[in-house]
Amino acid sequence: MPKHFFVLGLDSLRLSFLRCVPDAGDYRFHPLFALEEVVNPMTFDYDAMLDIARQKLEAFPGPIAGIIGHWDFPTSVLLAHLSEIFGLRSASLEAVLKCEHKYWSRLEQRKLMPEWTPDFCAVDPFAENPLTQLTIGFPLWIKPIKAHSSYLGFRIENEVQFADALKKIRAAVHSCGDPFNQALAHIPVPDEVEDVDGNWCIAEEILTGKQCGIEGSLLDGEYRVHGIIDTVKDSKNLSFTRYEYPSVWPRHAQEKICEAGERLLRHMGFDNSAFGIEFFWDKRHDSFKILEINTRISQSHCDQFIKVHGVSNHQVPIDLAFGRIPDLSHYRGDYRTAAKFMLRRYRDTVLERAPTPAQIECVERDFPDSKIVITAEEGRSLSEQSMPDSYSFEIANIWLGAQSQHQLLEQYHQLADALEFRFGDDGVPEPFQFKCVRY
């Protein structure tokens, strides 16, 4: 008998990833909400979505093995909430919200690991004088309590930039903040967090160094890391340019963040679920900081795991659903390294012409096992994208595998140059001349 899984925001690309798990023919993957309903919706009603999902799952005629999610809020929270309702294995709703509420999470991090926690403070963007709430000096980062992909996140150098950023935040923060508040209403929230809701912001010190993330899981208290992925930003340290797997960090640094992740998640009461935690490492001082906790696998990493291990990281939530400890080291892929690249532009303009499907197919044939997804919409300004980065505009996602980092970066430069875009300002995408990283 096939085992049935519901997948939040399932589309054809992510379905192809799911089919790259062993015994995929034994599973049936059913969509729960359309992609656009859970990924960057302009606004949504969390409780209404919860009711719709509950009704759909209740109406399913057979047993449900589990619910799979690989997107940020609302997916990550709906997954825990629905699993709790239907008795499926998952971290508790309270533990998930504790990790995802940026201020609450920082408070807990500071209690356990103060030396790993950046300085921070809560800011009400609707206060009469938000500047008086700052307890840290410039420069700093400010971002909403609940957001993702750098949306409404700003580096602030002075009071003028602070005021300008808050103006932009006030205009858009409710789109995610209001539904996040609906989710928070389902759990008890401690007094120290209660007033800082989803429409508040958190200001934090600027983190320096290199960024890296661990993906792993806990099953009945047993902690396991299945992958360590480097998150590479541009030369200004503002926008993401690629996720590279496996990490090239030195072993001692990788061991440090793996140990820190275990301490942190146990403190949070997080169990029976997959996770991802991002860290910064300052090589000069050999010091580490926690960036954020994600309560899910990342769909951005699926293809890298397929290329390196021959299996998608979707194998992790599937294993957890059946009470198996995930271990991707058993699998072998065709490549030694792989990455997802984000092709960007830094100036707003109209995308007049993007590569056609036939042109993309031709480029993909020239670069075996590559995947290209155009993320900007032809005929529209780049700034009209849903939830854009505050400093740049994503044009395309490009997945590649190679036998070395040097080969990986060379192939990316060649592939990016082969994509024909036309913009209203006659500019071109910025493929970045990346250099190999060695420690």
Protein backbone atom coordinates (compact mmCIF):
# COMPACT_ATOMS: atom_id res chain seq x y z
CA MET A 1 0.00 0.00 0.00
CA PRO A 2 1.40 3.46 -0.87
CA LYS A 3 2.21 5.88 1.94
CA HIS A 4 0.54 9.28 1.62
CA PHE A 5 2.24 12.60 2.36
CA PHE A 6 0.78 16.08 2.03
CA VAL A 7 3.23 18.76 0.89
CA LEU A 8 2.64 22.44 1.65
CA GLY A 9 3.07 24.52 -1.52
CA LEU A 10 3.97 21.68 -3.85
CA ASP A 11 4.92 22.54 -7.44
CA SER A 12 6.50 20.64 -10.34
CA LEU A 13 10.10 21.56 -9.47
CA ARG A 14 9.81 20.53 -5.83
CA LEU A 15 7.90 17.38 -6.87
CA SER A 16 10.90 16.44 -9.03
CA PHE A 17 13.08 16.81 -5.92
CA LEU A 18 10.72 14.62 -3.88
CA ARG A 19 10.93 11.90 -6.50
CA CYS A 20 14.70 11.76 -5.89
CA VAL A 21 14.30 9.75 -2.70
CA PRO A 22 14.71 5.97 -2.40
CA ASP A 23 11.50 4.02 -2.87
CA ALA A 24 9.76 7.12 -4.23
CA GLY A 25 7.31 4.83 -6.00
CA ASP A 26 6.00 3.73 -2.60
CA TYR A 27 4.91 7.27 -1.72
CA ARG A 28 2.12 9.52 -2.92
CA PHE A 29 2.71 13.26 -2.57
CA HIS A 30 -0.41 15.42 -2.42
CA PRO A 31 -0.39 19.23 -2.64
CA LEU A 32 -1.68 21.20 0.34
CA PHE A 33 -2.25 24.76 -0.97
CA ALA A 34 -0.92 26.15 -4.22
CA LEU A 35 2.61 27.49 -4.28
CA GLU A 36 1.52 31.13 -4.46
CA GLU A 37 -0.72 30.69 -1.40
CA VAL A 38 2.18 29.83 0.93
CA VAL A 39 5.19 31.46 -0.75
CA ASN A 40 5.34 35.26 -0.60
CA PRO A 41 1.57 35.93 -0.57
CA MET A 42 0.83 39.65 -0.34
CA THR A 43 -1.44 38.97 2.63
CA PHE A 44 -3.30 36.00 4.07
CA ASP A 45 -5.44 34.81 6.97
CA TYR A 46 -3.57 32.20 9.03
CA ASP A 47 -6.62 30.84 10.84
CA ALA A 48 -8.56 30.54 7.59
CA MET A 49 -5.67 28.61 6.03
CA LEU A 50 -5.52 26.35 9.07
CA ASP A 51 -9.23 25.56 8.77
CA ILE A 52 -8.99 24.86 5.03
CA ALA A 53 -6.04 22.52 5.55
CA ARG A 54 -7.73 20.75 8.44
CA GLN A 55 -10.85 20.13 6.38
CA LYS A 56 -8.82 18.78 3.46
CA LEU A 57 -6.85 16.40 5.66
CA GLU A 58 -9.98 15.24 7.49
CA ALA A 59 -11.66 14.48 4.14
CA PHE A 60 -8.74 12.33 2.90
CA PRO A 61 -9.99 8.73 2.74
CA GLY A 62 -6.81 6.95 3.87
CA PRO A 63 -4.12 7.19 6.55
CA ILE A 64 -1.66 10.10 6.29
CA ALA A 65 2.00 9.28 6.89
CA GLY A 66 3.08 12.88 7.38
CA ILE A 67 3.10 16.50 6.28
CA ILE A 68 6.17 17.90 4.51
CA GLY A 69 7.17 21.55 4.37
CA HIS A 70 10.26 23.23 2.91
CA TRP A 71 9.15 26.88 2.91
CA ASP A 72 9.16 29.58 5.59
CA PHE A 73 6.09 30.98 7.38
CA PRO A 74 3.22 30.18 7.06
CA THR A 75 4.35 26.72 5.88
CA SER A 76 6.70 26.04 8.80
CA VAL A 77 4.07 26.92 11.42
CA LEU A 78 1.16 25.24 9.63
CA LEU A 79 3.22 22.05 9.44
CA ALA A 80 3.69 21.93 13.22
CA HIS A 81 0.13 23.05 13.93
CA LEU A 82 -1.51 20.49 11.64
CA SER A 83 0.80 17.72 12.80
CA GLU A 84 -0.19 18.47 16.38
CA ILE A 85 -3.89 18.33 15.47
CA PHE A 86 -3.59 15.03 13.55
CA GLY A 87 -1.12 13.31 15.86
CA LEU A 88 1.73 13.23 13.35
CA ARG A 89 5.38 13.37 14.39
CA SER A 90 6.62 16.98 14.54
CA ALA A 91 8.09 19.60 16.83
CA SER A 92 5.45 21.26 18.99
CA LEU A 93 3.74 24.42 17.79
CA GLU A 94 5.13 26.30 20.79
CA ALA A 95 8.72 25.22 20.10
CA VAL A 96 8.41 26.21 16.44
CA LEU A 97 7.00 29.65 17.23
CA LYS A 98 9.64 30.19 19.91
CA CYS A 99 12.33 29.58 17.27
CA GLU A 100 10.65 31.67 14.55
CA HIS A 101 9.72 34.74 16.61
CA LYS A 102 12.98 36.62 16.16
CA TYR A 103 12.86 38.50 19.48
CA TRP A 104 11.67 35.52 21.56
CA SER A 105 14.34 33.36 19.93
CA ARG A 106 17.06 35.90 20.73
CA LEU A 107 15.95 36.07 24.38
CA GLU A 108 16.27 32.30 24.66
CA GLN A 109 19.62 32.29 22.85
CA ARG A 110 20.98 34.93 25.23
CA LYS A 111 19.89 32.92 28.29
CA LEU A 112 21.76 29.84 27.08
CA MET A 113 24.63 31.14 24.93
CA PRO A 114 25.21 34.87 25.56
CA GLU A 115 28.60 34.82 23.83
CA TRP A 116 26.97 33.43 20.66
CA THR A 117 24.10 35.95 20.67
CA PRO A 118 24.45 39.35 18.99
CA ASP A 119 23.33 42.48 20.82
CA PHE A 120 19.71 43.23 20.04
CA CYS A 121 16.61 45.11 21.11
CA ALA A 122 12.93 45.28 20.18
CA VAL A 123 11.59 48.28 18.27
CA ASP A 124 7.94 49.25 17.78
CA PRO A 125 7.91 50.87 14.31
CA PHE A 126 4.57 52.53 15.14
CA ALA A 127 5.80 54.16 18.35
CA GLU A 128 5.81 57.95 18.57
CA ASN A 129 9.61 58.02 18.70
CA PRO A 130 11.06 54.57 17.85
CA LEU A 131 14.61 55.95 18.00
CA THR A 132 14.42 56.11 21.81
CA GLN A 133 13.90 52.33 21.92
CA LEU A 134 17.35 51.59 20.50
CA THR A 135 19.80 50.21 23.04
CA ILE A 136 22.53 49.50 20.49
CA GLY A 137 24.44 51.96 18.37
CA PHE A 138 24.80 52.42 14.61
CA PRO A 139 25.50 50.64 12.36
CA LEU A 140 22.82 48.01 12.91
CA TRP A 141 20.36 45.76 11.12
CA ILE A 142 16.63 46.19 11.54
CA LYS A 143 14.02 43.69 10.36
CA PRO A 144 10.51 42.57 11.27
CA ILE A 145 9.91 40.00 14.00
CA LYS A 146 8.59 37.71 11.25
CA ALA A 147 9.92 37.93 7.70
CA HIS A 148 12.22 35.94 5.45
CA SER A 149 14.60 36.21 2.50
CA SER A 150 15.85 39.60 3.75
CA TYR A 151 12.42 41.18 3.11
CA LEU A 152 12.15 44.54 4.92
CA GLY A 153 15.63 44.02 6.35
CA PHE A 154 17.86 47.10 6.29
CA ARG A 155 21.41 47.97 7.26
CA ILE A 156 21.20 51.28 9.12
CA GLU A 157 24.11 53.69 9.42
CA ASN A 158 22.40 56.74 10.96
CA GLU A 159 19.14 58.29 12.19
CA VAL A 160 18.04 59.37 8.72
CA GLN A 161 18.33 55.83 7.35
CA PHE A 162 16.56 54.53 10.47
CA ALA A 163 13.58 56.81 9.85
CA ASP A 164 13.46 55.93 6.14
CA ALA A 165 13.57 52.18 6.85
CA LEU A 166 10.76 52.40 9.43
CA LYS A 167 8.60 54.25 6.92
CA LYS A 168 8.96 51.33 4.49
CA ILE A 169 8.42 48.78 7.25
CA ARG A 170 5.24 50.45 8.51
CA ALA A 171 3.78 50.31 5.00
CA ALA A 172 4.25 46.54 4.59
CA VAL A 173 4.89 44.80 7.92
CA HIS A 174 1.24 43.83 8.51
CA SER A 175 1.21 41.49 5.50
CA CYS A 176 3.18 38.92 7.48
CA GLY A 177 2.88 40.33 10.99
CA ASP A 178 -0.90 40.02 11.28
CA PRO A 179 -1.09 36.32 10.33
CA PHE A 180 1.90 35.61 12.56
CA ASN A 181 -0.04 37.16 15.43
CA GLN A 182 -2.92 34.82 14.64
CA ALA A 183 -0.57 31.87 15.00
CA LEU A 184 0.85 33.22 18.27
CA ALA A 185 -2.68 33.41 19.69
CA HIS A 186 -2.79 29.58 19.72
CA ILE A 187 -0.05 29.22 22.37
CA PRO A 188 0.87 30.80 25.73
CA VAL A 189 3.44 33.55 25.22
CA PRO A 190 5.69 34.64 28.13
CA ASP A 191 5.25 38.11 29.60
CA GLU A 192 8.65 39.27 28.32
CA VAL A 193 7.52 38.58 24.74
CA GLU A 194 3.78 39.31 24.85
CA ASP A 195 3.92 42.99 23.81
CA VAL A 196 6.44 42.36 21.02
CA ASP A 197 4.14 40.96 18.35
CA GLY A 198 4.60 40.19 14.67
CA ASN A 199 4.34 43.85 13.66
CA TRP A 200 7.32 44.87 15.78
CA CYS A 201 10.95 44.81 14.65
CA ILE A 202 14.23 43.65 16.05
CA ALA A 203 17.40 45.73 15.81
CA GLU A 204 20.68 43.83 15.95
CA GLU A 205 24.39 44.46 15.81
CA ILE A 206 26.08 43.93 12.45
CA LEU A 207 27.55 40.44 12.21
CA THR A 208 30.86 40.00 10.44
CA GLY A 209 32.64 37.03 8.98
CA LYS A 210 31.46 34.09 6.91
CA GLN A 211 27.96 32.60 7.03
CA CYS A 212 27.16 28.90 7.16
CA GLY A 213 24.15 26.77 7.98
CA ILE A 214 23.58 23.29 9.36
CA GLU A 215 20.63 21.13 8.39
CA GLY A 216 19.66 18.29 10.66
CA SER A 217 16.97 16.62 12.72
CA LEU A 218 15.99 15.39 16.14
CA LEU A 219 14.11 12.16 16.66
CA ASP A 220 12.98 11.43 20.21
CA GLY A 221 15.93 13.43 21.49
CA GLU A 222 18.56 11.99 19.14
CA TYR A 223 20.33 14.83 17.33
CA ARG A 224 21.78 14.42 13.85
CA VAL A 225 23.27 16.88 11.32
CA HIS A 226 22.90 15.69 7.73
CA GLY A 227 24.55 18.60 5.93
CA ILE A 228 26.54 21.83 6.34
CA ILE A 229 25.96 24.47 3.66
CA ASP A 230 27.88 27.70 3.06
CA THR A 231 25.76 30.81 2.54
CA VAL A 232 27.77 33.24 0.42
CA LYS A 233 26.89 36.93 0.15
CA ASP A 234 28.08 39.62 -2.20
CA SER A 235 31.13 41.81 -1.58
CA LYS A 236 29.00 44.29 0.38
CA ASN A 237 27.67 41.49 2.61
CA LEU A 238 24.10 42.50 1.78
CA SER A 239 22.52 40.02 -0.65
CA PHE A 240 22.75 36.23 -0.96
CA THR A 241 24.60 35.02 -4.05
CA ARG A 242 24.79 31.22 -3.55
CA TYR A 243 24.24 28.25 -1.25
CA GLU A 244 27.20 25.89 -1.66
CA TYR A 245 27.36 22.29 -0.44
CA PRO A 246 29.32 20.82 1.19
CA SER A 247 30.80 23.57 3.33
CA VAL A 248 34.44 24.51 2.90
CA TRP A 249 34.73 25.72 6.50
CA PRO A 250 37.54 24.05 8.50
CA ARG A 251 36.57 21.02 10.56
CA HIS A 252 36.90 22.72 13.96
CA ALA A 253 34.48 25.47 12.92
CA GLN A 254 31.98 22.94 11.57
CA GLU A 255 32.18 20.94 14.81
CA LYS A 256 31.60 24.11 16.86
CA ILE A 257 28.37 25.04 15.09
CA CYS A 258 27.08 21.47 15.16
CA GLU A 259 27.61 21.31 18.93
CA ALA A 260 26.00 24.75 19.36
CA GLY A 261 22.97 23.68 17.34
CA GLU A 262 22.33 20.72 19.61
CA ARG A 263 22.53 22.80 22.80
CA LEU A 264 20.28 25.45 21.33
CA LEU A 265 17.51 23.15 20.08
CA ARG A 266 17.38 21.16 23.30
CA HIS A 267 17.00 24.43 25.19
CA MET A 268 14.15 25.42 22.88
CA GLY A 269 12.32 22.14 23.51
CA PHE A 270 12.54 21.35 19.80
CA ASP A 271 12.26 17.66 18.89
CA ASN A 272 10.96 15.20 16.28
CA SER A 273 11.49 17.50 13.34
CA ALA A 274 14.00 18.74 10.78
CA PHE A 275 15.77 22.08 11.28
CA GLY A 276 18.24 24.53 9.79
CA ILE A 277 20.39 26.97 11.79
CA GLU A 278 22.51 29.77 10.32
CA PHE A 279 25.75 30.96 11.96
CA PHE A 280 28.47 33.55 11.41
CA TRP A 281 32.13 32.78 12.00
CA ASP A 282 34.71 35.55 12.42
CA LYS A 283 37.93 33.81 11.43
CA ARG A 284 40.19 36.52 12.84
CA HIS A 285 38.90 36.07 16.38
CA ASP A 286 37.61 32.50 15.92
CA SER A 287 34.29 33.69 17.33
CA PHE A 288 30.78 32.56 16.40
CA LYS A 289 27.31 34.11 16.38
CA ILE A 290 23.85 32.64 15.81
CA LEU A 291 21.97 34.25 12.94
CA GLU A 292 18.63 32.41 12.96
CA ILE A 293 16.83 29.12 13.51
CA ASN A 294 14.65 27.62 10.78
CA THR A 295 12.25 24.83 11.74
CA ARG A 296 12.35 22.90 8.45
CA ILE A 297 14.55 21.63 5.67
CA SER A 298 15.24 24.18 2.94
CA GLN A 299 13.95 23.70 -0.60
CA SER A 300 16.94 25.79 -1.70
CA HIS A 301 19.24 22.90 -0.73
CA CYS A 302 17.37 19.98 -2.31
CA ASP A 303 19.22 19.91 -5.61
CA GLN A 304 22.62 20.20 -3.91
CA PHE A 305 21.89 17.10 -1.84
CA ILE A 306 20.69 15.27 -4.95
CA LYS A 307 23.88 16.13 -6.81
CA VAL A 308 26.24 15.25 -3.92
CA HIS A 309 24.34 12.41 -2.22
CA GLY A 310 21.99 11.22 -4.93
CA VAL A 311 19.00 11.88 -2.67
CA SER A 312 16.99 15.00 -1.82
CA ASN A 313 16.95 16.29 1.75
CA HIS A 314 13.24 15.46 1.59
CA GLN A 315 14.41 12.03 2.71
CA VAL A 316 14.84 13.58 6.18
CA PRO A 317 11.17 14.41 6.96
CA ILE A 318 10.14 11.11 5.33
CA ASP A 319 12.49 9.17 7.62
CA LEU A 320 11.26 11.10 10.64
CA ALA A 321 7.64 10.33 9.79
CA PHE A 322 8.45 6.61 9.99
CA GLY A 323 10.57 6.92 13.14
CA ARG A 324 13.88 6.44 11.31
CA ILE A 325 17.01 8.45 12.12
CA PRO A 326 18.02 10.29 8.91
CA ASP A 327 21.54 9.63 7.60
CA LEU A 328 22.34 10.91 4.11
CA SER A 329 25.95 9.74 4.30
CA HIS A 330 24.79 6.33 3.03
CA TYR A 331 24.08 7.82 -0.41
CA ARG A 332 26.43 8.88 -3.20
CA GLY A 333 25.71 11.35 -6.01
CA ASP A 334 27.51 12.24 -9.23
CA TYR A 335 29.25 15.41 -7.97
CA ARG A 336 31.59 16.39 -5.18
CA THR A 337 30.16 19.90 -4.81
CA ALA A 338 27.00 21.76 -5.84
CA ALA A 339 25.36 25.13 -5.41
CA LYS A 340 22.23 27.15 -5.94
CA PHE A 341 23.17 30.57 -7.36
CA MET A 342 20.99 33.68 -7.22
CA LEU A 343 21.60 35.83 -10.30
CA ARG A 344 20.90 39.47 -9.38
CA ARG A 345 20.70 43.07 -10.46
CA TYR A 346 21.24 46.04 -8.17
CA ARG A 347 19.39 48.71 -10.13
CA ASP A 348 15.63 48.73 -10.62
CA THR A 349 14.43 48.62 -14.18
CA VAL A 350 11.92 46.81 -16.40
CA LEU A 351 12.74 43.29 -17.53
CA GLU A 352 11.85 43.68 -21.21
CA ARG A 353 12.85 40.19 -22.31
CA ALA A 354 13.86 37.05 -20.46
CA PRO A 355 15.31 33.87 -21.96
CA THR A 356 12.58 31.76 -23.55
CA PRO A 357 11.92 28.17 -22.41
CA ALA A 358 13.60 26.94 -25.61
CA GLN A 359 16.67 29.07 -24.91
CA ILE A 360 16.82 27.84 -21.31
CA GLU A 361 16.55 24.25 -22.48
CA CYS A 362 19.43 24.83 -24.88
CA VAL A 363 21.65 26.28 -22.13
CA GLU A 364 20.75 23.43 -19.76
CA ARG A 365 21.83 20.93 -22.43
CA ASP A 366 25.22 22.66 -22.60
CA PHE A 367 25.61 22.33 -18.82
CA PRO A 368 24.49 18.80 -17.88
CA ASP A 369 22.28 18.46 -14.78
CA SER A 370 21.88 22.23 -14.49
CA LYS A 371 18.54 23.81 -13.64
CA ILE A 372 17.54 27.37 -14.49
CA VAL A 373 14.45 29.13 -13.15
CA ILE A 374 13.74 32.75 -14.15
CA THR A 375 12.37 34.51 -11.05
CA ALA A 376 11.71 37.99 -12.50
CA GLU A 377 8.60 38.60 -14.57
CA GLU A 378 8.90 39.86 -18.13
CA GLY A 379 7.32 43.28 -18.75
CA ARG A 380 7.44 44.37 -15.10
CA SER A 381 9.83 46.40 -12.97
CA LEU A 382 12.17 44.33 -10.84
CA SER A 383 10.92 46.16 -7.75
CA GLU A 384 7.42 44.78 -8.37
CA GLN A 385 8.53 41.29 -7.39
CA SER A 386 6.87 39.83 -4.31
CA MET A 387 8.90 40.46 -1.14
CA PRO A 388 12.17 41.53 -2.80
CA ASP A 389 15.53 41.80 -1.08
CA SER A 390 16.02 45.37 0.19
CA TYR A 391 19.24 45.87 -1.77
CA SER A 392 19.01 43.90 -4.99
CA PHE A 393 16.64 42.07 -7.33
CA GLU A 394 16.78 38.35 -8.00
CA ILE A 395 16.66 37.58 -11.72
CA ALA A 396 17.14 33.81 -11.82
CA ASN A 397 18.01 30.75 -9.76
CA ILE A 398 20.70 28.49 -11.17
CA TRP A 399 21.59 25.02 -9.83
CA LEU A 400 24.91 23.41 -10.79
CA GLY A 401 27.13 20.50 -9.74
CA ALA A 402 30.87 20.00 -10.28
CA GLN A 403 33.89 18.04 -9.10
CA SER A 404 35.60 21.04 -7.51
CA GLN A 405 34.77 24.52 -6.32
CA HIS A 406 36.91 26.02 -9.08
CA GLN A 407 34.99 24.10 -11.74
CA LEU A 408 31.67 24.99 -10.11
CA LEU A 409 32.35 28.72 -10.21
CA GLU A 410 33.76 28.62 -13.74
CA GLN A 411 30.65 26.84 -15.02
CA TYR A 412 28.41 29.35 -13.27
CA HIS A 413 30.15 32.29 -14.93
CA GLN A 414 29.85 30.63 -18.34
CA LEU A 415 26.20 29.71 -17.84
CA ALA A 416 25.22 33.17 -16.54
CA ASP A 417 26.89 34.79 -19.56
CA ALA A 418 24.91 32.49 -21.87
CA LEU A 419 21.53 33.71 -20.56
CA GLU A 420 20.15 36.51 -22.73
CA PHE A 421 18.22 39.16 -20.81
CA ARG A 422 17.16 42.60 -22.03
CA PHE A 423 16.45 45.37 -19.54
CA GLY A 424 14.95 48.82 -19.96
CA ASP A 425 18.22 50.49 -18.96
CA ASP A 426 20.32 48.30 -21.31
CA GLY A 427 22.09 46.83 -18.28
CA VAL A 428 22.96 43.19 -17.67
CA PRO A 429 22.70 40.80 -14.71
CA GLU A 430 25.68 40.69 -12.39
CA PRO A 431 27.07 37.14 -12.33
CA PHE A 432 29.89 38.06 -9.87
CA GLN A 433 33.41 36.88 -10.53
CA PHE A 434 33.56 34.60 -7.52
CA LYS A 435 36.90 33.39 -6.22
CA CYS A 436 37.57 29.99 -4.70
CA VAL A 437 37.46 29.96 -0.90
CA ARG A 438 40.19 28.31 1.14
CA TYR A 439 40.75 28.35 4.91
